[in-house]
Amino acid sequence: MNGPRPLTLTVSTAPSESAIQELKQNLLHYNNSRTGPENYLRLLLMLRDTTGKLMAGLAGMIYYQWLFIDLLWVAEQIRGQGHGKTLLDLAEAEARSRGCQQVWLDTFSFQAPGFYEKSGYTLFGELSDYPPGHRRCFFRKTVSSEGKA
């Protein structure tokens, strides 16, 4: 009998890291077969005070010639002093130096969408009522003259 093998479905709210990695590797293999290598690179910028305490930081990922900014945080006591803009500018410069033409990110309406708009980002989508009573906002920015239409 050469019919399809029976399948077993599992559901987990506490999956193992190895299970997540197995799924991710299968998806990456498929993606790379269609697009070529993603050239994935993590990016981390951190600003610390003289005692070593983290005061601001930015984390992102470069792949497919785009920078995705995953996290940007500035401690409340130093907000409004240009540190977030400095981190953003440095991340964009690093992206450009690595051949990226675009940057994208998402933020919540209670965080700093105005900050990104002032920094040259364009809203390209949003989810209403996520989380309830707020919006999740998606922004992008061209950081290379080659990527401008």
C-alpha atoms as a PDB file:
ATOM      1  CA  MET A   1       0.000   0.000   0.000  1.00  0.00           C
ATOM      2  CA  ASN A   2       1.597   3.264  -1.140  1.00  0.00           C
ATOM      3  CA  GLY A   3      -1.078   5.732  -0.048  1.00  0.00           C
ATOM      4  CA  PRO A   4      -0.443   8.814   2.068  1.00  0.00           C
ATOM      5  CA  ARG A   5       0.911   8.196   5.548  1.00  0.00           C
ATOM      6  CA  PRO A   6      -1.403   9.086   8.416  1.00  0.00           C
ATOM      7  CA  LEU A   7      -0.609  12.455  10.017  1.00  0.00           C
ATOM      8  CA  THR A   8      -0.647  13.352  13.698  1.00  0.00           C
ATOM      9  CA  LEU A   9      -1.530  16.888  14.798  1.00  0.00           C
ATOM     10  CA  THR A  10      -0.097  18.251  18.048  1.00  0.00           C
ATOM     11  CA  VAL A  11      -0.888  21.526  19.794  1.00  0.00           C
ATOM     12  CA  SER A  12       1.456  23.092  22.321  1.00  0.00           C
ATOM     13  CA  THR A  13       1.463  26.332  24.273  1.00  0.00           C
ATOM     14  CA  ALA A  14       4.962  25.559  25.567  1.00  0.00           C
ATOM     15  CA  PRO A  15       6.871  24.228  22.557  1.00  0.00           C
ATOM     16  CA  SER A  16      10.510  23.228  22.812  1.00  0.00           C
ATOM     17  CA  GLU A  17      13.109  25.453  21.206  1.00  0.00           C
ATOM     18  CA  SER A  18      14.172  22.519  19.024  1.00  0.00           C
ATOM     19  CA  ALA A  19      10.618  22.146  17.672  1.00  0.00           C
ATOM     20  CA  ILE A  20      10.481  25.849  16.782  1.00  0.00           C
ATOM     21  CA  GLN A  21      13.916  25.616  15.127  1.00  0.00           C
ATOM     22  CA  GLU A  22      12.851  22.569  13.105  1.00  0.00           C
ATOM     23  CA  LEU A  23       9.827  24.460  11.781  1.00  0.00           C
ATOM     24  CA  LYS A  24      11.914  27.579  11.101  1.00  0.00           C
ATOM     25  CA  GLN A  25      14.597  25.627   9.217  1.00  0.00           C
ATOM     26  CA  ASN A  26      11.990  24.002   6.978  1.00  0.00           C
ATOM     27  CA  LEU A  27      10.436  27.366   6.162  1.00  0.00           C
ATOM     28  CA  LEU A  28      13.859  28.960   5.529  1.00  0.00           C
ATOM     29  CA  HIS A  29      14.815  26.096   3.227  1.00  0.00           C
ATOM     30  CA  TYR A  30      11.656  26.689   1.200  1.00  0.00           C
ATOM     31  CA  ASN A  31      12.112  30.489   1.164  1.00  0.00           C
ATOM     32  CA  ASN A  32      15.754  30.241   0.110  1.00  0.00           C
ATOM     33  CA  SER A  33      14.815  27.853  -2.706  1.00  0.00           C
ATOM     34  CA  ARG A  34      12.604  30.644  -4.108  1.00  0.00           C
ATOM     35  CA  THR A  35      14.587  33.804  -3.293  1.00  0.00           C
ATOM     36  CA  GLY A  36      18.204  32.838  -2.733  1.00  0.00           C
ATOM     37  CA  PRO A  37      19.945  33.171   0.614  1.00  0.00           C
ATOM     38  CA  GLU A  38      18.471  35.647   3.067  1.00  0.00           C
ATOM     39  CA  ASN A  39      21.902  36.626   4.476  1.00  0.00           C
ATOM     40  CA  TYR A  40      20.405  36.935   7.950  1.00  0.00           C
ATOM     41  CA  LEU A  41      22.313  39.130  10.401  1.00  0.00           C
ATOM     42  CA  ARG A  42      21.276  40.311  13.864  1.00  0.00           C
ATOM     43  CA  LEU A  43      21.909  43.926  14.834  1.00  0.00           C
ATOM     44  CA  LEU A  44      22.106  45.293  18.384  1.00  0.00           C
ATOM     45  CA  LEU A  45      22.910  48.830  19.524  1.00  0.00           C
ATOM     46  CA  MET A  46      23.009  49.596  23.254  1.00  0.00           C
ATOM     47  CA  LEU A  47      23.511  52.798  25.233  1.00  0.00           C
ATOM     48  CA  ARG A  48      24.682  52.377  28.836  1.00  0.00           C
ATOM     49  CA  ASP A  49      25.420  54.835  31.613  1.00  0.00           C
ATOM     50  CA  THR A  50      28.758  54.965  33.450  1.00  0.00           C
ATOM     51  CA  THR A  51      27.639  52.188  35.834  1.00  0.00           C
ATOM     52  CA  GLY A  52      26.790  49.874  32.940  1.00  0.00           C
ATOM     53  CA  LYS A  53      23.031  50.219  33.312  1.00  0.00           C
ATOM     54  CA  LEU A  54      21.154  49.915  30.022  1.00  0.00           C
ATOM     55  CA  MET A  55      19.574  53.267  29.162  1.00  0.00           C
ATOM     56  CA  ALA A  56      18.546  52.696  25.529  1.00  0.00           C
ATOM     57  CA  GLY A  57      18.825  50.091  22.839  1.00  0.00           C
ATOM     58  CA  LEU A  58      17.793  48.947  19.416  1.00  0.00           C
ATOM     59  CA  ALA A  59      17.606  45.377  18.139  1.00  0.00           C
ATOM     60  CA  GLY A  60      16.901  44.332  14.606  1.00  0.00           C
ATOM     61  CA  MET A  61      17.523  41.840  11.853  1.00  0.00           C
ATOM     62  CA  ILE A  62      18.944  42.341   8.388  1.00  0.00           C
ATOM     63  CA  TYR A  63      17.747  39.903   5.750  1.00  0.00           C
ATOM     64  CA  TYR A  64      16.720  40.028   2.092  1.00  0.00           C
ATOM     65  CA  GLN A  65      18.426  43.444   1.945  1.00  0.00           C
ATOM     66  CA  TRP A  66      15.988  44.948   4.453  1.00  0.00           C
ATOM     67  CA  LEU A  67      16.452  45.947   8.067  1.00  0.00           C
ATOM     68  CA  PHE A  68      13.600  45.006  10.384  1.00  0.00           C
ATOM     69  CA  ILE A  69      13.728  46.965  13.641  1.00  0.00           C
ATOM     70  CA  ASP A  70      12.332  44.633  16.248  1.00  0.00           C
ATOM     71  CA  LEU A  71      12.940  46.656  19.418  1.00  0.00           C
ATOM     72  CA  LEU A  72      13.714  50.292  20.204  1.00  0.00           C
ATOM     73  CA  TRP A  73      13.600  51.436  23.809  1.00  0.00           C
ATOM     74  CA  VAL A  74      14.805  54.520  25.668  1.00  0.00           C
ATOM     75  CA  ALA A  75      14.618  54.872  29.468  1.00  0.00           C
ATOM     76  CA  GLU A  76      11.998  57.405  30.499  1.00  0.00           C
ATOM     77  CA  GLN A  77      14.468  59.692  32.271  1.00  0.00           C
ATOM     78  CA  ILE A  78      16.467  60.291  29.064  1.00  0.00           C
ATOM     79  CA  ARG A  79      13.634  60.427  26.520  1.00  0.00           C
ATOM     80  CA  GLY A  80      13.369  63.535  24.378  1.00  0.00           C
ATOM     81  CA  GLN A  81      17.153  64.060  24.327  1.00  0.00           C
ATOM     82  CA  GLY A  82      17.799  62.595  20.875  1.00  0.00           C
ATOM     83  CA  HIS A  83      19.045  59.167  21.958  1.00  0.00           C
ATOM     84  CA  GLY A  84      16.308  57.263  20.125  1.00  0.00           C
ATOM     85  CA  LYS A  85      16.987  59.234  16.934  1.00  0.00           C
ATOM     86  CA  THR A  86      20.712  58.555  17.279  1.00  0.00           C
ATOM     87  CA  LEU A  87      20.102  54.817  17.607  1.00  0.00           C
ATOM     88  CA  LEU A  88      17.729  54.869  14.639  1.00  0.00           C
ATOM     89  CA  ASP A  89      20.200  56.835  12.502  1.00  0.00           C
ATOM     90  CA  LEU A  90      23.057  54.473  13.383  1.00  0.00           C
ATOM     91  CA  ALA A  91      20.926  51.402  12.596  1.00  0.00           C
ATOM     92  CA  GLU A  92      19.933  52.899   9.235  1.00  0.00           C
ATOM     93  CA  ALA A  93      23.589  53.677   8.442  1.00  0.00           C
ATOM     94  CA  GLU A  94      24.557  50.095   9.300  1.00  0.00           C
ATOM     95  CA  ALA A  95      21.748  48.821   7.074  1.00  0.00           C
ATOM     96  CA  ARG A  96      22.943  50.997   4.176  1.00  0.00           C
ATOM     97  CA  SER A  97      26.536  49.822   4.665  1.00  0.00           C
ATOM     98  CA  ARG A  98      25.283  46.244   4.300  1.00  0.00           C
ATOM     99  CA  GLY A  99      23.381  46.916   1.077  1.00  0.00           C
ATOM    100  CA  CYS A 100      19.908  47.467   2.511  1.00  0.00           C
ATOM    101  CA  GLN A 101      17.605  49.840   0.725  1.00  0.00           C
ATOM    102  CA  GLN A 102      14.627  49.680   3.089  1.00  0.00           C
ATOM    103  CA  VAL A 103      13.799  49.529   6.788  1.00  0.00           C
ATOM    104  CA  TRP A 104      10.526  48.454   8.348  1.00  0.00           C
ATOM    105  CA  LEU A 105       9.173  48.237  11.874  1.00  0.00           C
ATOM    106  CA  ASP A 106       5.995  48.143  13.855  1.00  0.00           C
ATOM    107  CA  THR A 107       4.964  50.010  16.968  1.00  0.00           C
ATOM    108  CA  PHE A 108       1.835  50.514  19.028  1.00  0.00           C
ATOM    109  CA  SER A 109      -0.222  53.713  19.053  1.00  0.00           C
ATOM    110  CA  PHE A 110       0.648  54.207  22.747  1.00  0.00           C
ATOM    111  CA  GLN A 111       4.375  53.998  21.999  1.00  0.00           C
ATOM    112  CA  ALA A 112       5.923  56.386  19.483  1.00  0.00           C
ATOM    113  CA  PRO A 113       4.363  56.439  16.012  1.00  0.00           C
ATOM    114  CA  GLY A 114       4.948  60.212  15.802  1.00  0.00           C
ATOM    115  CA  PHE A 115       8.644  59.691  16.469  1.00  0.00           C
ATOM    116  CA  TYR A 116       8.941  57.410  13.441  1.00  0.00           C
ATOM    117  CA  GLU A 117       6.957  59.786  11.224  1.00  0.00           C
ATOM    118  CA  LYS A 118       9.289  62.653  12.239  1.00  0.00           C
ATOM    119  CA  SER A 119      12.215  60.365  11.393  1.00  0.00           C
ATOM    120  CA  GLY A 120      11.000  59.934   7.812  1.00  0.00           C
ATOM    121  CA  TYR A 121       9.029  56.697   8.157  1.00  0.00           C
ATOM    122  CA  THR A 122       5.766  56.196   6.273  1.00  0.00           C
ATOM    123  CA  LEU A 123       2.788  54.346   7.728  1.00  0.00           C
ATOM    124  CA  PHE A 124       1.886  51.475   5.401  1.00  0.00           C
ATOM    125  CA  GLY A 125      -0.608  49.563   7.510  1.00  0.00           C
ATOM    126  CA  GLU A 126      -2.224  49.176  10.867  1.00  0.00           C
ATOM    127  CA  LEU A 127      -4.271  46.775  12.927  1.00  0.00           C
ATOM    128  CA  SER A 128      -7.134  48.441  14.772  1.00  0.00           C
ATOM    129  CA  ASP A 129      -7.963  47.445  18.327  1.00  0.00           C
ATOM    130  CA  TYR A 130      -4.636  45.595  18.783  1.00  0.00           C
ATOM    131  CA  PRO A 131      -4.227  45.546  21.688  1.00  0.00           C
ATOM    132  CA  PRO A 132      -7.813  46.432  22.599  1.00  0.00           C
ATOM    133  CA  GLY A 133      -8.294  50.196  22.550  1.00  0.00           C
ATOM    134  CA  HIS A 134      -5.058  50.810  20.605  1.00  0.00           C
ATOM    135  CA  ARG A 135      -3.527  50.228  17.155  1.00  0.00           C
ATOM    136  CA  ARG A 136      -0.471  48.405  15.885  1.00  0.00           C
ATOM    137  CA  CYS A 137       1.213  50.614  13.287  1.00  0.00           C
ATOM    138  CA  PHE A 138       3.554  49.411  10.522  1.00  0.00           C
ATOM    139  CA  PHE A 139       6.154  51.801   9.096  1.00  0.00           C
ATOM    140  CA  ARG A 140       8.781  51.706   6.368  1.00  0.00           C
ATOM    141  CA  LYS A 141      11.550  53.972   5.149  1.00  0.00           C
ATOM    142  CA  THR A 142      13.838  54.027   2.116  1.00  0.00           C
ATOM    143  CA  VAL A 143      17.420  54.419   3.330  1.00  0.00           C
ATOM    144  CA  SER A 144      19.229  54.143  -0.018  1.00  0.00           C
ATOM    145  CA  SER A 145      18.856  56.295  -3.092  1.00  0.00           C
ATOM    146  CA  GLU A 146      18.892  53.064  -5.145  1.00  0.00           C
ATOM    147  CA  GLY A 147      15.614  52.009  -3.540  1.00  0.00           C
ATOM    148  CA  LYS A 148      13.719  55.222  -4.333  1.00  0.00           C
ATOM    149  CA  ALA A 149      11.165  55.105  -7.099  1.00  0.00           C
END
